[in-house]
Amino acid sequence: MEADHSDLRVTPEDVLYQWSIDSLVGTTRGSYAHLLLENLENRILDKPEVIIPAGLDTFQTINYARSINVVNKLCEQYLEEYNYLVPIAIEYKVGDVEMGIAGMLDRLYYNNLTKDIEVWDFKTDKKIATSNKYQKIRLFDIDECELNKYAIQTSFYKRIIEKNTNLRLGKSNIIHLNIKNESLDRYICEDYTETIANIDWRNI
């Protein structure tokens, strides 16, 4: 029997539509932020084209435009605060045939403070959760939350690079462009490269 939602002010269809809009806004804004940072680090003065996601009403469009202004400010702030990082690779694809895994890391930097080569990644999520007492990530036995997922992601990048080159990398980092709080939040990632190295990829 079909469920009756006539008593609800907001229907499930309305919720699903809003989720799709929120997802589109997030991915479009994230793409803009990555392009802007890439331009700035390549000394390209022109900002990327601002694409307004389809389906936004007037109020949502105004809010989106305001959020792009915040992104512009945070990206410029990032380059000022982290001027001790020297780009080695920008938006660089890495992969390993044996593991059957490939991905694109945001940055490989030489860090003048730590004297290490490091993986850095940029995120524009609404928030980055650091714990989850209800669910664990299989194989790693850690909380299933954004920060741990990103730590695993950067550990894969690090493992692939160290496995296929003579490089030894330092700690990986996440920079969260926190649109809501208009702040730059930095997270130093846990290193799961040893766990990844011990996984039997033939049986995954």
Protein backbone atom coordinates (compact mmCIF):
# COMPACT_ATOMS: atom_id res chain seq x y z
CA MET A 1 0.00 0.00 0.00
CA GLU A 2 1.32 3.45 -0.92
CA ALA A 3 2.24 5.59 2.07
CA ASP A 4 0.06 8.61 2.80
CA HIS A 5 2.13 11.76 3.44
CA SER A 6 -0.74 14.23 3.10
CA ASP A 7 -0.43 15.26 6.75
CA LEU A 8 3.18 16.35 6.32
CA ARG A 9 4.14 19.93 5.50
CA VAL A 10 7.25 18.62 3.74
CA THR A 11 6.91 15.47 1.66
CA PRO A 12 9.65 12.86 1.16
CA GLU A 13 9.88 14.06 -2.44
CA ASP A 14 10.58 17.60 -1.18
CA VAL A 15 13.36 16.27 1.06
CA LEU A 16 14.93 14.24 -1.74
CA TYR A 17 14.80 17.25 -4.05
CA GLN A 18 16.49 19.46 -1.44
CA TRP A 19 19.18 16.84 -0.90
CA SER A 20 19.86 16.74 -4.63
CA ILE A 21 20.10 20.54 -4.74
CA ASP A 22 22.43 20.60 -1.72
CA SER A 23 24.63 17.94 -3.33
CA LEU A 24 24.78 19.84 -6.62
CA VAL A 25 25.63 23.10 -4.83
CA GLY A 26 28.36 21.37 -2.82
CA THR A 27 30.04 19.68 -5.77
CA THR A 28 29.84 22.79 -7.98
CA ARG A 29 31.30 25.00 -5.26
CA GLY A 30 33.98 22.40 -4.50
CA SER A 31 35.02 22.28 -8.15
CA TYR A 32 35.24 26.08 -8.20
CA ALA A 33 37.41 26.11 -5.05
CA HIS A 34 39.82 23.53 -6.48
CA LEU A 35 40.13 25.43 -9.77
CA LEU A 36 40.68 28.72 -7.96
CA LEU A 37 43.43 27.29 -5.75
CA GLU A 38 45.08 25.72 -8.77
CA ASN A 39 44.99 29.06 -10.62
CA LEU A 40 46.36 30.96 -7.64
CA GLU A 41 49.25 28.54 -7.14
CA ASN A 42 50.03 28.68 -10.85
CA ARG A 43 50.06 32.50 -10.65
CA ILE A 44 47.00 32.78 -12.91
CA LEU A 45 45.20 36.00 -12.00
CA ASP A 46 41.84 35.25 -13.62
CA LYS A 47 39.27 33.56 -11.42
CA PRO A 48 37.42 30.51 -12.78
CA GLU A 49 33.96 30.98 -14.24
CA VAL A 50 31.27 30.95 -11.56
CA ILE A 51 28.64 28.42 -12.61
CA ILE A 52 25.26 28.77 -10.91
CA PRO A 53 23.81 25.29 -10.27
CA ALA A 54 20.56 24.60 -12.11
CA GLY A 55 17.34 24.57 -10.11
CA LEU A 56 18.16 27.26 -7.55
CA ASP A 57 15.53 29.81 -6.66
CA THR A 58 16.41 33.50 -6.19
CA PHE A 59 17.18 33.19 -2.49
CA GLN A 60 19.36 30.10 -3.03
CA THR A 61 21.20 31.82 -5.88
CA ILE A 62 22.02 34.81 -3.65
CA ASN A 63 23.29 32.50 -0.91
CA TYR A 64 25.38 30.57 -3.40
CA ALA A 65 26.96 33.77 -4.73
CA ARG A 66 27.76 34.82 -1.15
CA SER A 67 29.37 31.43 -0.50
CA ILE A 68 31.59 31.88 -3.58
CA ASN A 69 32.81 35.17 -2.10
CA VAL A 70 33.71 33.26 1.07
CA VAL A 71 35.58 30.68 -1.01
CA ASN A 72 37.56 33.47 -2.70
CA LYS A 73 38.53 34.90 0.68
CA LEU A 74 39.50 31.53 2.18
CA CYS A 75 41.62 30.52 -0.82
CA GLU A 76 43.58 33.76 -0.67
CA GLN A 77 43.91 33.37 3.10
CA TYR A 78 45.21 29.83 2.61
CA LEU A 79 48.04 30.96 0.33
CA GLU A 80 49.05 33.64 2.83
CA GLU A 81 48.99 31.37 5.90
CA TYR A 82 50.63 28.35 4.26
CA ASN A 83 53.27 30.14 2.22
CA TYR A 84 55.90 27.70 3.55
CA LEU A 85 54.50 24.96 1.28
CA VAL A 86 56.22 24.50 -2.09
CA PRO A 87 54.11 22.71 -4.73
CA ILE A 88 55.70 19.61 -6.24
CA ALA A 89 52.56 18.28 -7.93
CA ILE A 90 49.13 19.88 -8.37
CA GLU A 91 45.99 17.80 -9.09
CA TYR A 92 48.19 14.78 -9.80
CA LYS A 93 47.00 11.27 -10.72
CA VAL A 94 48.56 8.32 -8.90
CA GLY A 95 47.81 4.61 -9.15
CA ASP A 96 49.08 1.12 -8.52
CA VAL A 97 48.42 -1.85 -10.83
CA GLU A 98 48.82 -4.52 -8.14
CA MET A 99 46.39 -2.78 -5.79
CA GLY A 100 44.05 -1.91 -8.64
CA ILE A 101 43.58 1.58 -7.26
CA ALA A 102 44.05 5.05 -8.73
CA GLY A 103 43.10 8.55 -7.68
CA MET A 104 43.96 12.21 -7.97
CA LEU A 105 45.66 13.92 -5.06
CA ASP A 106 45.17 17.66 -4.65
CA ARG A 107 48.73 18.57 -3.70
CA LEU A 108 52.12 17.10 -3.08
CA TYR A 109 54.10 19.75 -1.22
CA TYR A 110 57.56 20.21 0.17
CA ASN A 111 57.00 21.62 3.65
CA ASN A 112 59.72 24.08 4.61
CA LEU A 113 58.80 23.75 8.30
CA THR A 114 58.79 19.97 8.65
CA LYS A 115 61.34 19.43 5.82
CA ASP A 116 59.09 16.64 4.53
CA ILE A 117 57.25 15.95 1.31
CA GLU A 118 53.55 15.73 2.21
CA VAL A 119 50.15 15.01 0.71
CA TRP A 120 47.60 17.80 1.26
CA ASP A 121 43.93 17.64 0.31
CA PHE A 122 41.21 20.31 0.20
CA LYS A 123 37.61 19.75 1.31
CA THR A 124 34.53 21.98 1.17
CA ASP A 125 32.10 19.77 3.14
CA LYS A 126 29.51 21.43 5.36
CA LYS A 127 31.31 19.79 8.28
CA ILE A 128 33.95 17.16 8.89
CA ALA A 129 32.91 14.70 11.57
CA THR A 130 35.79 13.27 13.61
CA SER A 131 34.01 10.32 15.25
CA ASN A 132 31.08 7.92 14.93
CA LYS A 133 30.26 5.59 17.81
CA TYR A 134 27.79 3.55 15.75
CA GLN A 135 29.73 2.41 12.68
CA LYS A 136 33.23 1.16 11.89
CA ILE A 137 35.18 1.11 8.62
CA ARG A 138 35.85 -2.47 7.54
CA LEU A 139 39.51 -3.55 7.39
CA PHE A 140 40.66 -0.56 9.44
CA ASP A 141 38.45 -0.95 12.56
CA ILE A 142 38.06 2.79 13.02
CA ASP A 143 35.02 5.05 13.26
CA GLU A 144 33.23 5.65 9.97
CA CYS A 145 33.41 9.44 9.77
CA GLU A 146 34.63 12.03 7.29
CA LEU A 147 38.02 12.62 8.88
CA ASN A 148 38.89 8.92 9.02
CA LYS A 149 37.72 8.40 5.42
CA TYR A 150 39.94 11.26 4.30
CA ALA A 151 42.85 9.89 6.35
CA ILE A 152 42.47 6.55 4.56
CA GLN A 153 42.26 8.37 1.21
CA THR A 154 45.49 10.29 1.82
CA SER A 155 47.14 7.12 3.19
CA PHE A 156 46.36 5.38 -0.11
CA TYR A 157 48.03 8.24 -1.99
CA LYS A 158 51.03 8.06 0.33
CA ARG A 159 51.29 4.27 0.06
CA ILE A 160 51.11 4.34 -3.75
CA ILE A 161 53.84 6.98 -3.98
CA GLU A 162 56.15 5.27 -1.48
CA LYS A 163 55.58 1.84 -3.07
CA ASN A 164 56.40 3.01 -6.57
CA THR A 165 59.16 5.57 -5.92
CA ASN A 166 62.12 6.13 -3.60
CA LEU A 167 60.28 8.94 -1.81
CA ARG A 168 59.37 8.79 1.87
CA LEU A 169 56.53 11.13 2.80
CA GLY A 170 55.66 12.94 6.02
CA LYS A 171 52.23 13.37 7.58
CA SER A 172 49.26 14.07 5.33
CA ASN A 173 46.98 17.05 5.88
CA ILE A 174 43.39 18.06 5.19
CA ILE A 175 42.41 21.70 4.73
CA HIS A 176 38.69 22.27 5.26
CA LEU A 177 37.35 25.41 3.63
CA ASN A 178 34.64 25.91 6.23
CA ILE A 179 32.08 28.03 4.42
CA LYS A 180 29.64 28.26 7.33
CA ASN A 181 32.21 29.56 9.82
CA GLU A 182 34.30 31.34 7.17
CA SER A 183 37.41 29.64 8.51
CA LEU A 184 40.27 27.42 7.42
CA ASP A 185 40.37 24.25 9.49
CA ARG A 186 43.45 22.05 9.30
CA TYR A 187 43.50 18.35 10.19
CA ILE A 188 46.69 16.30 10.41
CA CYS A 189 45.72 12.81 9.25
CA GLU A 190 46.40 9.50 10.93
CA ASP A 191 48.70 7.32 8.85
CA TYR A 192 47.17 4.01 7.71
CA THR A 193 49.82 3.10 5.13
CA GLU A 194 51.01 0.10 7.16
CA THR A 195 47.48 -1.30 7.30
CA ILE A 196 47.08 -0.76 3.56
CA ALA A 197 50.45 -2.43 2.87
CA ASN A 198 49.35 -5.54 4.77
CA ILE A 199 46.03 -5.98 2.95
CA ASP A 200 45.88 -8.94 0.54
CA TRP A 201 44.45 -7.13 -2.47
CA ARG A 202 43.90 -10.39 -4.36
CA ASN A 203 41.13 -11.34 -1.94
CA ILE A 204 39.35 -7.97 -1.70
